[in-house]
């Protein structure tokens, strides 16, 4: 059995068909939307609306962890736009989702990332695409558990939830062979982004589940340039499956 796993796709619908070649099943761990691109400021919804230079300044503020200033800058940009902000953003996200979901191979198993809009997913699902969050599924004789979304941060991305709500989803999954999440367990080496120069939020609940149930694998994304992309917690191999937007290659799981 061969399963290809990706995360943090961020608009790279074009790379999905090649990433699925040779796979018996495909898994996506979320973050489909590309609001802005830290490396190519001309890509993403914000650049389409306001231009690359405006995005460059916003990224500078966010990288400096001046999140309130970044929000003020965003409000300044939006003040010059006619129409309702939420309506404009949702229309742009819908265009990205339409391309993304059309590009997913079958079967694909997916969950949400912290920048995703869960209420839109049902409109784009089709036969062969299975959405899972706090749920399990059997693939090739192994039990896979899925936990989507992120935890609260100063970034205030669209799908951040409280720690207790997140922990409830982790508990609902229970013991599995492969634990699939968008965010990593709360381990410093896995949550530190060397390019951003900061610790992202990891989950204590995921860490505890790994320690207690020892799945074969814990797979996740979220941290684009981690200090360490793979390590063991007991018998569990924990793997950041990679920043798909940047590299366009999947993590391959075979058994």
C-alpha atoms as a PDB file:
ATOM      1  CA  UNK A   1       0.000   0.000   0.000  1.00  0.00           C
ATOM      2  CA  UNK A   2       1.299   3.435  -0.916  1.00  0.00           C
ATOM      3  CA  UNK A   3      -0.190   6.648   0.505  1.00  0.00           C
ATOM      4  CA  UNK A   4       0.989  10.148  -0.402  1.00  0.00           C
ATOM      5  CA  UNK A   5       0.540  12.848   2.247  1.00  0.00           C
ATOM      6  CA  UNK A   6       0.676  16.629   1.800  1.00  0.00           C
ATOM      7  CA  UNK A   7      -0.023  19.686   3.919  1.00  0.00           C
ATOM      8  CA  UNK A   8       0.061  23.457   3.516  1.00  0.00           C
ATOM      9  CA  UNK A   9      -0.862  23.352  -0.144  1.00  0.00           C
ATOM     10  CA  UNK A  10      -1.625  27.087  -0.170  1.00  0.00           C
ATOM     11  CA  UNK A  11      -2.940  27.390  -3.694  1.00  0.00           C
ATOM     12  CA  UNK A  12      -0.733  24.810  -5.453  1.00  0.00           C
ATOM     13  CA  UNK A  13      -3.577  23.015  -7.224  1.00  0.00           C
ATOM     14  CA  UNK A  14      -1.285  22.748 -10.240  1.00  0.00           C
ATOM     15  CA  UNK A  15       1.113  20.442  -8.373  1.00  0.00           C
ATOM     16  CA  UNK A  16      -1.453  18.010  -6.955  1.00  0.00           C
ATOM     17  CA  UNK A  17      -1.810  15.650  -9.961  1.00  0.00           C
ATOM     18  CA  UNK A  18       1.929  14.939 -10.092  1.00  0.00           C
ATOM     19  CA  UNK A  19       2.063  14.532  -6.309  1.00  0.00           C
ATOM     20  CA  UNK A  20      -0.594  11.826  -6.511  1.00  0.00           C
ATOM     21  CA  UNK A  21       1.123   9.740  -9.196  1.00  0.00           C
ATOM     22  CA  UNK A  22       1.694   6.169  -8.037  1.00  0.00           C
ATOM     23  CA  UNK A  23      -0.398   6.536  -4.875  1.00  0.00           C
ATOM     24  CA  UNK A  24      -3.142   4.132  -3.829  1.00  0.00           C
ATOM     25  CA  UNK A  25      -4.599   6.882  -1.644  1.00  0.00           C
ATOM     26  CA  UNK A  26      -3.933  10.569  -1.047  1.00  0.00           C
ATOM     27  CA  UNK A  27      -4.096  12.551   2.202  1.00  0.00           C
ATOM     28  CA  UNK A  28      -4.194  16.330   2.613  1.00  0.00           C
ATOM     29  CA  UNK A  29      -3.717  17.836   6.067  1.00  0.00           C
ATOM     30  CA  UNK A  30      -5.114  21.260   5.292  1.00  0.00           C
ATOM     31  CA  UNK A  31      -4.241  24.877   4.581  1.00  0.00           C
ATOM     32  CA  UNK A  32      -5.524  24.978   1.029  1.00  0.00           C
ATOM     33  CA  UNK A  33      -5.944  28.755   0.856  1.00  0.00           C
ATOM     34  CA  UNK A  34      -3.160  31.124  -0.192  1.00  0.00           C
ATOM     35  CA  UNK A  35      -3.765  34.540   1.342  1.00  0.00           C
ATOM     36  CA  UNK A  36      -0.195  35.721   0.801  1.00  0.00           C
ATOM     37  CA  UNK A  37       3.118  34.156  -0.143  1.00  0.00           C
ATOM     38  CA  UNK A  38       6.149  34.904   2.028  1.00  0.00           C
ATOM     39  CA  UNK A  39       8.561  34.092  -0.816  1.00  0.00           C
ATOM     40  CA  UNK A  40       6.718  35.359  -3.891  1.00  0.00           C
ATOM     41  CA  UNK A  41       4.834  38.495  -2.914  1.00  0.00           C
ATOM     42  CA  UNK A  42       3.001  38.541  -6.234  1.00  0.00           C
ATOM     43  CA  UNK A  43       1.014  35.392  -5.363  1.00  0.00           C
ATOM     44  CA  UNK A  44      -2.109  35.059  -3.261  1.00  0.00           C
ATOM     45  CA  UNK A  45      -5.395  36.772  -2.573  1.00  0.00           C
ATOM     46  CA  UNK A  46      -3.884  39.816  -0.862  1.00  0.00           C
ATOM     47  CA  UNK A  47      -1.507  40.458  -3.749  1.00  0.00           C
ATOM     48  CA  UNK A  48      -4.324  40.112  -6.267  1.00  0.00           C
ATOM     49  CA  UNK A  49      -6.224  42.779  -4.358  1.00  0.00           C
ATOM     50  CA  UNK A  50      -3.487  45.164  -3.211  1.00  0.00           C
ATOM     51  CA  UNK A  51      -0.275  44.368  -5.068  1.00  0.00           C
ATOM     52  CA  UNK A  52       3.070  42.839  -4.170  1.00  0.00           C
ATOM     53  CA  UNK A  53       4.489  45.903  -2.408  1.00  0.00           C
ATOM     54  CA  UNK A  54       1.587  46.052   0.034  1.00  0.00           C
ATOM     55  CA  UNK A  55       2.043  42.345   0.743  1.00  0.00           C
ATOM     56  CA  UNK A  56       5.781  42.826   1.289  1.00  0.00           C
ATOM     57  CA  UNK A  57       5.085  45.391   4.018  1.00  0.00           C
ATOM     58  CA  UNK A  58       2.476  43.178   5.666  1.00  0.00           C
ATOM     59  CA  UNK A  59       4.906  40.266   5.743  1.00  0.00           C
ATOM     60  CA  UNK A  60       7.579  42.485   7.303  1.00  0.00           C
ATOM     61  CA  UNK A  61       5.177  43.402  10.108  1.00  0.00           C
ATOM     62  CA  UNK A  62       4.073  39.819  10.689  1.00  0.00           C
ATOM     63  CA  UNK A  63       7.634  38.496  10.639  1.00  0.00           C
ATOM     64  CA  UNK A  64       8.515  41.081  13.294  1.00  0.00           C
ATOM     65  CA  UNK A  65       5.511  39.754  15.275  1.00  0.00           C
ATOM     66  CA  UNK A  66       3.880  43.178  15.068  1.00  0.00           C
ATOM     67  CA  UNK A  67       0.493  41.580  14.534  1.00  0.00           C
ATOM     68  CA  UNK A  68      -1.584  44.570  15.649  1.00  0.00           C
ATOM     69  CA  UNK A  69       0.334  46.794  13.225  1.00  0.00           C
ATOM     70  CA  UNK A  70      -0.233  44.240  10.466  1.00  0.00           C
ATOM     71  CA  UNK A  71      -3.968  44.307  11.155  1.00  0.00           C
ATOM     72  CA  UNK A  72      -3.930  48.122  11.085  1.00  0.00           C
ATOM     73  CA  UNK A  73      -2.129  47.997   7.734  1.00  0.00           C
ATOM     74  CA  UNK A  74      -4.705  45.549   6.431  1.00  0.00           C
ATOM     75  CA  UNK A  75      -7.550  47.833   7.528  1.00  0.00           C
ATOM     76  CA  UNK A  76      -5.859  50.724   5.727  1.00  0.00           C
ATOM     77  CA  UNK A  77      -5.690  48.694   2.531  1.00  0.00           C
ATOM     78  CA  UNK A  78      -9.296  47.579   2.768  1.00  0.00           C
ATOM     79  CA  UNK A  79     -10.476  51.141   3.343  1.00  0.00           C
ATOM     80  CA  UNK A  80      -9.702  51.822  -0.309  1.00  0.00           C
ATOM     81  CA  UNK A  81     -11.768  48.905  -1.611  1.00  0.00           C
ATOM     82  CA  UNK A  82     -15.407  49.186  -2.589  1.00  0.00           C
ATOM     83  CA  UNK A  83     -17.676  46.396  -1.417  1.00  0.00           C
ATOM     84  CA  UNK A  84     -17.975  44.145   1.595  1.00  0.00           C
ATOM     85  CA  UNK A  85     -14.654  42.713   2.761  1.00  0.00           C
ATOM     86  CA  UNK A  86     -16.068  39.334   3.811  1.00  0.00           C
ATOM     87  CA  UNK A  87     -17.905  38.905   0.507  1.00  0.00           C
ATOM     88  CA  UNK A  88     -14.812  39.763  -1.539  1.00  0.00           C
ATOM     89  CA  UNK A  89     -12.596  37.400   0.461  1.00  0.00           C
ATOM     90  CA  UNK A  90     -15.051  34.525   0.325  1.00  0.00           C
ATOM     91  CA  UNK A  91     -15.372  34.866  -3.445  1.00  0.00           C
ATOM     92  CA  UNK A  92     -11.577  34.690  -3.797  1.00  0.00           C
ATOM     93  CA  UNK A  93     -11.365  31.681  -1.481  1.00  0.00           C
ATOM     94  CA  UNK A  94     -14.118  29.945  -3.413  1.00  0.00           C
ATOM     95  CA  UNK A  95     -12.117  30.309  -6.623  1.00  0.00           C
ATOM     96  CA  UNK A  96      -9.118  28.678  -4.961  1.00  0.00           C
ATOM     97  CA  UNK A  97     -11.232  25.899  -3.461  1.00  0.00           C
ATOM     98  CA  UNK A  98     -12.882  25.147  -6.810  1.00  0.00           C
ATOM     99  CA  UNK A  99      -9.477  24.622  -8.432  1.00  0.00           C
ATOM    100  CA  UNK A 100      -8.087  22.705  -5.461  1.00  0.00           C
ATOM    101  CA  UNK A 101     -10.918  20.242  -4.984  1.00  0.00           C
ATOM    102  CA  UNK A 102     -11.101  19.600  -8.729  1.00  0.00           C
ATOM    103  CA  UNK A 103      -7.397  18.663  -8.679  1.00  0.00           C
ATOM    104  CA  UNK A 104      -7.595  16.176  -5.800  1.00  0.00           C
ATOM    105  CA  UNK A 105      -7.245  12.550  -6.950  1.00  0.00           C
ATOM    106  CA  UNK A 106      -9.494   9.789  -5.681  1.00  0.00           C
ATOM    107  CA  UNK A 107      -9.482   8.543  -3.086  1.00  0.00           C
ATOM    108  CA  UNK A 108      -8.426  11.582  -1.064  1.00  0.00           C
ATOM    109  CA  UNK A 109      -8.829  11.922   2.692  1.00  0.00           C
ATOM    110  CA  UNK A 110      -8.585  15.461   3.991  1.00  0.00           C
ATOM    111  CA  UNK A 111      -8.964  17.670   7.023  1.00  0.00           C
ATOM    112  CA  UNK A 112      -8.823  21.399   7.722  1.00  0.00           C
ATOM    113  CA  UNK A 113      -5.863  23.672   8.320  1.00  0.00           C
ATOM    114  CA  UNK A 114      -5.893  26.829  10.397  1.00  0.00           C
ATOM    115  CA  UNK A 115      -6.370  29.109   7.364  1.00  0.00           C
ATOM    116  CA  UNK A 116      -9.256  27.114   5.912  1.00  0.00           C
ATOM    117  CA  UNK A 117     -12.984  27.867   6.013  1.00  0.00           C
ATOM    118  CA  UNK A 118     -14.741  24.661   7.115  1.00  0.00           C
ATOM    119  CA  UNK A 119     -18.218  25.888   6.239  1.00  0.00           C
ATOM    120  CA  UNK A 120     -17.267  25.969   2.539  1.00  0.00           C
ATOM    121  CA  UNK A 121     -15.837  22.447   2.270  1.00  0.00           C
ATOM    122  CA  UNK A 122     -19.145  20.577   1.814  1.00  0.00           C
ATOM    123  CA  UNK A 123     -19.874  22.551  -1.347  1.00  0.00           C
ATOM    124  CA  UNK A 124     -16.747  21.217  -3.053  1.00  0.00           C
ATOM    125  CA  UNK A 125     -16.659  17.616  -1.883  1.00  0.00           C
ATOM    126  CA  UNK A 126     -17.395  14.947  -4.484  1.00  0.00           C
ATOM    127  CA  UNK A 127     -17.333  11.172  -4.712  1.00  0.00           C
ATOM    128  CA  UNK A 128     -13.950   9.882  -3.634  1.00  0.00           C
ATOM    129  CA  UNK A 129     -13.123  12.857  -1.380  1.00  0.00           C
ATOM    130  CA  UNK A 130     -13.619  12.143   2.329  1.00  0.00           C
ATOM    131  CA  UNK A 131     -13.524  14.911   4.930  1.00  0.00           C
ATOM    132  CA  UNK A 132     -12.481  13.843   8.439  1.00  0.00           C
ATOM    133  CA  UNK A 133     -12.079  15.845  11.650  1.00  0.00           C
ATOM    134  CA  UNK A 134     -12.041  14.090  15.004  1.00  0.00           C
ATOM    135  CA  UNK A 135     -12.772  10.909  13.060  1.00  0.00           C
ATOM    136  CA  UNK A 136     -11.047   7.749  11.860  1.00  0.00           C
ATOM    137  CA  UNK A 137     -10.949   5.685   8.691  1.00  0.00           C
ATOM    138  CA  UNK A 138      -9.293   2.439   7.634  1.00  0.00           C
ATOM    139  CA  UNK A 139      -6.838   2.654   4.736  1.00  0.00           C
ATOM    140  CA  UNK A 140      -5.091  -0.502   3.601  1.00  0.00           C
ATOM    141  CA  UNK A 141      -5.694  -2.253   6.898  1.00  0.00           C
ATOM    142  CA  UNK A 142      -4.375   0.585   9.084  1.00  0.00           C
ATOM    143  CA  UNK A 143      -6.518   2.889  11.205  1.00  0.00           C
ATOM    144  CA  UNK A 144      -5.950   6.595  10.430  1.00  0.00           C
ATOM    145  CA  UNK A 145      -7.211   9.355  12.717  1.00  0.00           C
ATOM    146  CA  UNK A 146      -7.677  12.975  11.622  1.00  0.00           C
ATOM    147  CA  UNK A 147      -7.684  16.189  13.649  1.00  0.00           C
ATOM    148  CA  UNK A 148      -8.020  19.462  11.751  1.00  0.00           C
ATOM    149  CA  UNK A 149      -7.621  23.151  12.495  1.00  0.00           C
ATOM    150  CA  UNK A 150      -5.229  25.132  14.652  1.00  0.00           C
ATOM    151  CA  UNK A 151      -5.069  26.656  18.126  1.00  0.00           C
ATOM    152  CA  UNK A 152      -5.573  30.300  19.110  1.00  0.00           C
ATOM    153  CA  UNK A 153      -2.695  32.636  18.183  1.00  0.00           C
ATOM    154  CA  UNK A 154      -2.105  36.388  17.771  1.00  0.00           C
ATOM    155  CA  UNK A 155      -2.376  35.776  14.009  1.00  0.00           C
ATOM    156  CA  UNK A 156      -6.138  35.113  14.351  1.00  0.00           C
ATOM    157  CA  UNK A 157      -6.317  32.905  11.272  1.00  0.00           C
ATOM    158  CA  UNK A 158      -9.780  31.698  10.202  1.00  0.00           C
ATOM    159  CA  UNK A 159      -9.930  28.249  11.794  1.00  0.00           C
ATOM    160  CA  UNK A 160      -8.307  28.581  15.200  1.00  0.00           C
ATOM    161  CA  UNK A 161     -10.141  26.933  18.079  1.00  0.00           C
ATOM    162  CA  UNK A 162      -9.812  26.697  21.853  1.00  0.00           C
ATOM    163  CA  UNK A 163      -7.462  24.131  23.366  1.00  0.00           C
ATOM    164  CA  UNK A 164     -10.333  22.249  25.023  1.00  0.00           C
ATOM    165  CA  UNK A 165     -12.276  21.944  21.777  1.00  0.00           C
ATOM    166  CA  UNK A 166      -9.173  20.717  19.994  1.00  0.00           C
ATOM    167  CA  UNK A 167      -8.430  18.207  22.763  1.00  0.00           C
ATOM    168  CA  UNK A 168     -11.973  16.853  22.469  1.00  0.00           C
ATOM    169  CA  UNK A 169     -11.339  16.022  18.811  1.00  0.00           C
ATOM    170  CA  UNK A 170      -8.045  14.329  19.662  1.00  0.00           C
ATOM    171  CA  UNK A 171      -9.783  12.240  22.327  1.00  0.00           C
ATOM    172  CA  UNK A 172     -12.527  11.269  19.860  1.00  0.00           C
ATOM    173  CA  UNK A 173      -9.903   9.787  17.539  1.00  0.00           C
ATOM    174  CA  UNK A 174      -8.464   7.547  20.248  1.00  0.00           C
ATOM    175  CA  UNK A 175      -5.825   4.921  19.514  1.00  0.00           C
ATOM    176  CA  UNK A 176      -4.883   4.683  15.830  1.00  0.00           C
ATOM    177  CA  UNK A 177      -2.025   3.415  13.691  1.00  0.00           C
ATOM    178  CA  UNK A 178      -1.476   6.792  12.011  1.00  0.00           C
ATOM    179  CA  UNK A 179      -2.445  10.099  13.607  1.00  0.00           C
ATOM    180  CA  UNK A 180      -2.949  12.845  11.005  1.00  0.00           C
ATOM    181  CA  UNK A 181      -3.191  16.465  12.165  1.00  0.00           C
ATOM    182  CA  UNK A 182      -2.635  19.882  10.707  1.00  0.00           C
ATOM    183  CA  UNK A 183      -0.577  21.153  13.638  1.00  0.00           C
ATOM    184  CA  UNK A 184       2.314  19.286  15.293  1.00  0.00           C
ATOM    185  CA  UNK A 185       2.601  17.979  18.826  1.00  0.00           C
ATOM    186  CA  UNK A 186       3.994  20.529  21.253  1.00  0.00           C
ATOM    187  CA  UNK A 187       7.675  19.667  20.906  1.00  0.00           C
ATOM    188  CA  UNK A 188      10.102  22.612  20.565  1.00  0.00           C
ATOM    189  CA  UNK A 189      12.083  21.125  17.682  1.00  0.00           C
ATOM    190  CA  UNK A 190       8.890  20.519  15.704  1.00  0.00           C
ATOM    191  CA  UNK A 191       7.176  23.862  16.317  1.00  0.00           C
ATOM    192  CA  UNK A 192      10.103  26.257  15.817  1.00  0.00           C
ATOM    193  CA  UNK A 193      10.138  27.848  12.350  1.00  0.00           C
ATOM    194  CA  UNK A 194      13.738  28.701  11.506  1.00  0.00           C
ATOM    195  CA  UNK A 195      12.821  31.196   8.791  1.00  0.00           C
ATOM    196  CA  UNK A 196      10.108  33.022  10.721  1.00  0.00           C
ATOM    197  CA  UNK A 197      12.318  32.892  13.812  1.00  0.00           C
ATOM    198  CA  UNK A 198       9.500  31.984  16.174  1.00  0.00           C
ATOM    199  CA  UNK A 199       7.733  29.096  17.854  1.00  0.00           C
ATOM    200  CA  UNK A 200       4.402  28.215  16.266  1.00  0.00           C
ATOM    201  CA  UNK A 201       1.676  26.658  18.365  1.00  0.00           C
ATOM    202  CA  UNK A 202       1.781  22.924  18.831  1.00  0.00           C
ATOM    203  CA  UNK A 203      -0.759  20.788  20.629  1.00  0.00           C
ATOM    204  CA  UNK A 204      -0.274  19.386  24.118  1.00  0.00           C
ATOM    205  CA  UNK A 205      -3.271  17.113  23.480  1.00  0.00           C
ATOM    206  CA  UNK A 206      -1.591  15.589  20.425  1.00  0.00           C
ATOM    207  CA  UNK A 207       1.641  15.113  22.365  1.00  0.00           C
ATOM    208  CA  UNK A 208      -0.206  13.363  25.186  1.00  0.00           C
ATOM    209  CA  UNK A 209      -2.096  11.143  22.727  1.00  0.00           C
ATOM    210  CA  UNK A 210       1.180  10.102  21.102  1.00  0.00           C
ATOM    211  CA  UNK A 211       2.781   9.352  24.462  1.00  0.00           C
ATOM    212  CA  UNK A 212      -0.215   7.344  25.659  1.00  0.00           C
ATOM    213  CA  UNK A 213      -1.238   5.432  22.507  1.00  0.00           C
ATOM    214  CA  UNK A 214       2.040   5.230  20.523  1.00  0.00           C
ATOM    215  CA  UNK A 215       0.745   5.236  16.937  1.00  0.00           C
ATOM    216  CA  UNK A 216       3.189   4.082  14.270  1.00  0.00           C
ATOM    217  CA  UNK A 217       3.208   7.575  12.776  1.00  0.00           C
ATOM    218  CA  UNK A 218       2.079  11.078  13.656  1.00  0.00           C
ATOM    219  CA  UNK A 219       1.877  13.180  10.488  1.00  0.00           C
ATOM    220  CA  UNK A 220       1.331  16.940  10.372  1.00  0.00           C
ATOM    221  CA  UNK A 221       2.315  20.200   8.675  1.00  0.00           C
ATOM    222  CA  UNK A 222       1.712  23.839   9.679  1.00  0.00           C
ATOM    223  CA  UNK A 223       5.343  24.771  10.445  1.00  0.00           C
ATOM    224  CA  UNK A 224       6.802  25.556   7.043  1.00  0.00           C
ATOM    225  CA  UNK A 225      10.517  25.468   7.928  1.00  0.00           C
ATOM    226  CA  UNK A 226      10.827  23.402  11.120  1.00  0.00           C
ATOM    227  CA  UNK A 227      14.059  23.062  13.039  1.00  0.00           C
ATOM    228  CA  UNK A 228      13.575  19.288  12.788  1.00  0.00           C
ATOM    229  CA  UNK A 229      11.159  17.663  10.358  1.00  0.00           C
ATOM    230  CA  UNK A 230      11.153  14.182  11.889  1.00  0.00           C
ATOM    231  CA  UNK A 231      11.798  12.655  15.295  1.00  0.00           C
ATOM    232  CA  UNK A 232      10.620   9.810  17.492  1.00  0.00           C
ATOM    233  CA  UNK A 233       8.466  10.041  20.591  1.00  0.00           C
ATOM    234  CA  UNK A 234       8.822   6.569  22.006  1.00  0.00           C
ATOM    235  CA  UNK A 235       7.981   4.215  19.143  1.00  0.00           C
ATOM    236  CA  UNK A 236       6.076   6.887  17.192  1.00  0.00           C
ATOM    237  CA  UNK A 237       7.747   8.513  14.227  1.00  0.00           C
ATOM    238  CA  UNK A 238       6.588  12.136  14.084  1.00  0.00           C
ATOM    239  CA  UNK A 239       6.896  13.671  10.619  1.00  0.00           C
ATOM    240  CA  UNK A 240       6.297  17.150   9.261  1.00  0.00           C
ATOM    241  CA  UNK A 241       5.182  16.116   5.774  1.00  0.00           C
ATOM    242  CA  UNK A 242       6.511  19.309   4.227  1.00  0.00           C
ATOM    243  CA  UNK A 243       5.504  22.719   2.926  1.00  0.00           C
ATOM    244  CA  UNK A 244       3.786  21.575  -0.263  1.00  0.00           C
ATOM    245  CA  UNK A 245       3.377  25.112  -1.586  1.00  0.00           C
ATOM    246  CA  UNK A 246       7.149  25.520  -1.702  1.00  0.00           C
ATOM    247  CA  UNK A 247       8.284  22.041  -2.708  1.00  0.00           C
ATOM    248  CA  UNK A 248       5.366  20.345  -4.468  1.00  0.00           C
ATOM    249  CA  UNK A 249       6.365  16.886  -3.232  1.00  0.00           C
ATOM    250  CA  UNK A 250       4.424  14.532  -0.948  1.00  0.00           C
ATOM    251  CA  UNK A 251       5.559  12.470   2.002  1.00  0.00           C
ATOM    252  CA  UNK A 252       5.273   8.815   0.983  1.00  0.00           C
ATOM    253  CA  UNK A 253       4.014   6.184   3.398  1.00  0.00           C
ATOM    254  CA  UNK A 254       4.353   2.545   2.316  1.00  0.00           C
ATOM    255  CA  UNK A 255       3.512  -0.760   3.968  1.00  0.00           C
END
